[in-house]
Amino acid sequence: MFNWAITFLIIAIIAGVLGFGGIAGASVGMAKIAFVAGLVLAIVFWVIGKRGPPV
C-alpha cells in the first residue's frame, strides 16, 4: 500500500508541475487513502502477530 501511496504522490507532483490541477488533486487524494489504508493494515497485522498461536 505504501508503494501505491508513493506512486500517486509522484504522479501528483508531476501533474502539479505541469499544471494539471485536477489530476494532481485526485492523485493526492488517492495517495492519502492508500497511505491510511496501509497504516491501518500494518497496525492490525502487528497486533494479530503479537498474540500467541491458538491452543
N, C-alpha and C. Protein backbone atom coordinates (compact mmCIF):
# COMPACT_ATOMS: atom_id res chain seq x y z
N MET A 1 0.82 -1.19 0.00
CA MET A 1 0.00 0.00 0.00
C MET A 1 0.86 1.26 0.00
N PHE A 2 1.98 1.17 0.72
CA PHE A 2 2.84 2.35 0.77
C PHE A 2 3.46 2.63 -0.60
N ASN A 3 3.69 1.57 -1.37
CA ASN A 3 4.21 1.78 -2.73
C ASN A 3 3.20 2.53 -3.59
N TRP A 4 1.93 2.19 -3.45
CA TRP A 4 0.89 2.89 -4.20
C TRP A 4 0.81 4.34 -3.75
N ALA A 5 0.92 4.59 -2.45
CA ALA A 5 0.86 5.96 -1.95
C ALA A 5 2.00 6.79 -2.53
N ILE A 6 3.19 6.22 -2.56
CA ILE A 6 4.33 6.94 -3.13
C ILE A 6 4.14 7.18 -4.62
N THR A 7 3.61 6.17 -5.33
CA THR A 7 3.37 6.31 -6.77
C THR A 7 2.39 7.43 -7.05
N PHE A 8 1.26 7.46 -6.32
CA PHE A 8 0.27 8.52 -6.53
C PHE A 8 0.82 9.89 -6.13
N LEU A 9 1.67 9.94 -5.12
CA LEU A 9 2.28 11.20 -4.72
C LEU A 9 3.20 11.73 -5.82
N ILE A 10 3.97 10.85 -6.43
CA ILE A 10 4.85 11.26 -7.53
C ILE A 10 4.03 11.74 -8.72
N ILE A 11 2.94 11.03 -9.02
CA ILE A 11 2.05 11.45 -10.12
C ILE A 11 1.48 12.82 -9.82
N ALA A 12 1.09 13.06 -8.56
CA ALA A 12 0.53 14.35 -8.18
C ALA A 12 1.55 15.47 -8.32
N ILE A 13 2.78 15.21 -7.93
CA ILE A 13 3.83 16.23 -8.04
C ILE A 13 4.09 16.57 -9.51
N ILE A 14 4.20 15.54 -10.35
CA ILE A 14 4.45 15.77 -11.77
C ILE A 14 3.28 16.51 -12.41
N ALA A 15 2.06 16.09 -12.09
CA ALA A 15 0.88 16.75 -12.65
C ALA A 15 0.78 18.19 -12.16
N GLY A 16 1.13 18.44 -10.90
CA GLY A 16 1.09 19.80 -10.38
C GLY A 16 2.10 20.70 -11.07
N VAL A 17 3.29 20.18 -11.32
CA VAL A 17 4.33 20.96 -12.00
C VAL A 17 3.90 21.28 -13.43
N LEU A 18 3.25 20.33 -14.08
CA LEU A 18 2.82 20.53 -15.47
C LEU A 18 1.53 21.33 -15.58
N GLY A 19 0.87 21.61 -14.46
CA GLY A 19 -0.32 22.46 -14.48
C GLY A 19 -1.64 21.72 -14.57
N PHE A 20 -1.65 20.43 -14.33
CA PHE A 20 -2.90 19.67 -14.35
C PHE A 20 -3.44 19.59 -12.93
N GLY A 21 -4.15 20.61 -12.50
CA GLY A 21 -4.62 20.70 -11.12
C GLY A 21 -5.59 19.61 -10.71
N GLY A 22 -6.50 19.25 -11.60
CA GLY A 22 -7.49 18.23 -11.26
C GLY A 22 -6.87 16.86 -11.05
N ILE A 23 -5.96 16.52 -11.92
CA ILE A 23 -5.28 15.22 -11.80
C ILE A 23 -4.40 15.21 -10.55
N ALA A 24 -3.74 16.34 -10.28
CA ALA A 24 -2.87 16.42 -9.10
C ALA A 24 -3.69 16.27 -7.83
N GLY A 25 -4.84 16.92 -7.76
CA GLY A 25 -5.70 16.82 -6.58
C GLY A 25 -6.22 15.41 -6.38
N ALA A 26 -6.62 14.77 -7.46
CA ALA A 26 -7.13 13.40 -7.36
C ALA A 26 -6.02 12.45 -6.93
N SER A 27 -4.81 12.64 -7.45
CA SER A 27 -3.70 11.78 -7.07
C SER A 27 -3.32 11.95 -5.61
N VAL A 28 -3.37 13.18 -5.12
CA VAL A 28 -3.08 13.41 -3.71
C VAL A 28 -4.13 12.72 -2.84
N GLY A 29 -5.39 12.79 -3.24
CA GLY A 29 -6.45 12.11 -2.50
C GLY A 29 -6.25 10.61 -2.46
N MET A 30 -5.89 10.03 -3.60
CA MET A 30 -5.65 8.58 -3.64
C MET A 30 -4.41 8.21 -2.83
N ALA A 31 -3.40 9.06 -2.84
CA ALA A 31 -2.20 8.79 -2.05
C ALA A 31 -2.51 8.79 -0.56
N LYS A 32 -3.35 9.73 -0.13
CA LYS A 32 -3.74 9.79 1.28
C LYS A 32 -4.51 8.54 1.68
N ILE A 33 -5.45 8.12 0.84
CA ILE A 33 -6.25 6.93 1.14
C ILE A 33 -5.37 5.69 1.19
N ALA A 34 -4.46 5.54 0.23
CA ALA A 34 -3.58 4.37 0.22
C ALA A 34 -2.66 4.36 1.43
N PHE A 35 -2.17 5.53 1.83
CA PHE A 35 -1.29 5.60 3.00
C PHE A 35 -2.03 5.22 4.27
N VAL A 36 -3.23 5.76 4.46
CA VAL A 36 -4.01 5.45 5.67
C VAL A 36 -4.39 3.97 5.69
N ALA A 37 -4.80 3.43 4.55
CA ALA A 37 -5.17 2.01 4.49
C ALA A 37 -3.95 1.13 4.81
N GLY A 38 -2.80 1.47 4.27
CA GLY A 38 -1.59 0.71 4.56
C GLY A 38 -1.21 0.80 6.02
N LEU A 39 -1.35 1.98 6.61
CA LEU A 39 -1.04 2.16 8.02
C LEU A 39 -1.97 1.34 8.91
N VAL A 40 -3.27 1.37 8.61
CA VAL A 40 -4.24 0.59 9.38
C VAL A 40 -3.95 -0.90 9.26
N LEU A 41 -3.70 -1.38 8.05
CA LEU A 41 -3.41 -2.80 7.87
C LEU A 41 -2.12 -3.20 8.58
N ALA A 42 -1.11 -2.34 8.55
CA ALA A 42 0.14 -2.65 9.24
C ALA A 42 -0.09 -2.77 10.74
N ILE A 43 -0.87 -1.88 11.31
CA ILE A 43 -1.16 -1.93 12.75
C ILE A 43 -1.97 -3.17 13.10
N VAL A 44 -2.97 -3.49 12.28
CA VAL A 44 -3.81 -4.67 12.54
C VAL A 44 -2.97 -5.94 12.50
N PHE A 45 -2.13 -6.09 11.48
CA PHE A 45 -1.31 -7.29 11.38
C PHE A 45 -0.26 -7.34 12.47
N TRP A 46 0.22 -6.19 12.92
CA TRP A 46 1.18 -6.17 14.01
C TRP A 46 0.53 -6.65 15.30
N VAL A 47 -0.72 -6.21 15.56
CA VAL A 47 -1.44 -6.62 16.76
C VAL A 47 -1.77 -8.12 16.69
N ILE A 48 -2.20 -8.59 15.54
CA ILE A 48 -2.51 -10.00 15.38
C ILE A 48 -1.26 -10.86 15.58
N GLY A 49 -0.13 -10.38 15.11
CA GLY A 49 1.11 -11.12 15.25
C GLY A 49 1.61 -11.18 16.69
N LYS A 50 1.16 -10.28 17.54
CA LYS A 50 1.57 -10.25 18.94
C LYS A 50 0.96 -11.40 19.73
N ARG A 51 -0.22 -11.86 19.31
CA ARG A 51 -0.88 -12.95 20.03
C ARG A 51 -0.18 -14.27 19.76
N GLY A 52 -0.28 -15.16 20.73
CA GLY A 52 0.30 -16.48 20.55
C GLY A 52 -0.56 -17.32 19.63
N PRO A 53 -0.07 -18.48 19.25
CA PRO A 53 -0.85 -19.37 18.38
C PRO A 53 -2.07 -19.92 19.14
N PRO A 54 -3.17 -20.17 18.43
CA PRO A 54 -4.36 -20.70 19.08
C PRO A 54 -4.09 -22.08 19.68
N VAL A 55 -4.70 -22.33 20.82
CA VAL A 55 -4.48 -23.60 21.50
C VAL A 55 -5.66 -24.53 21.28
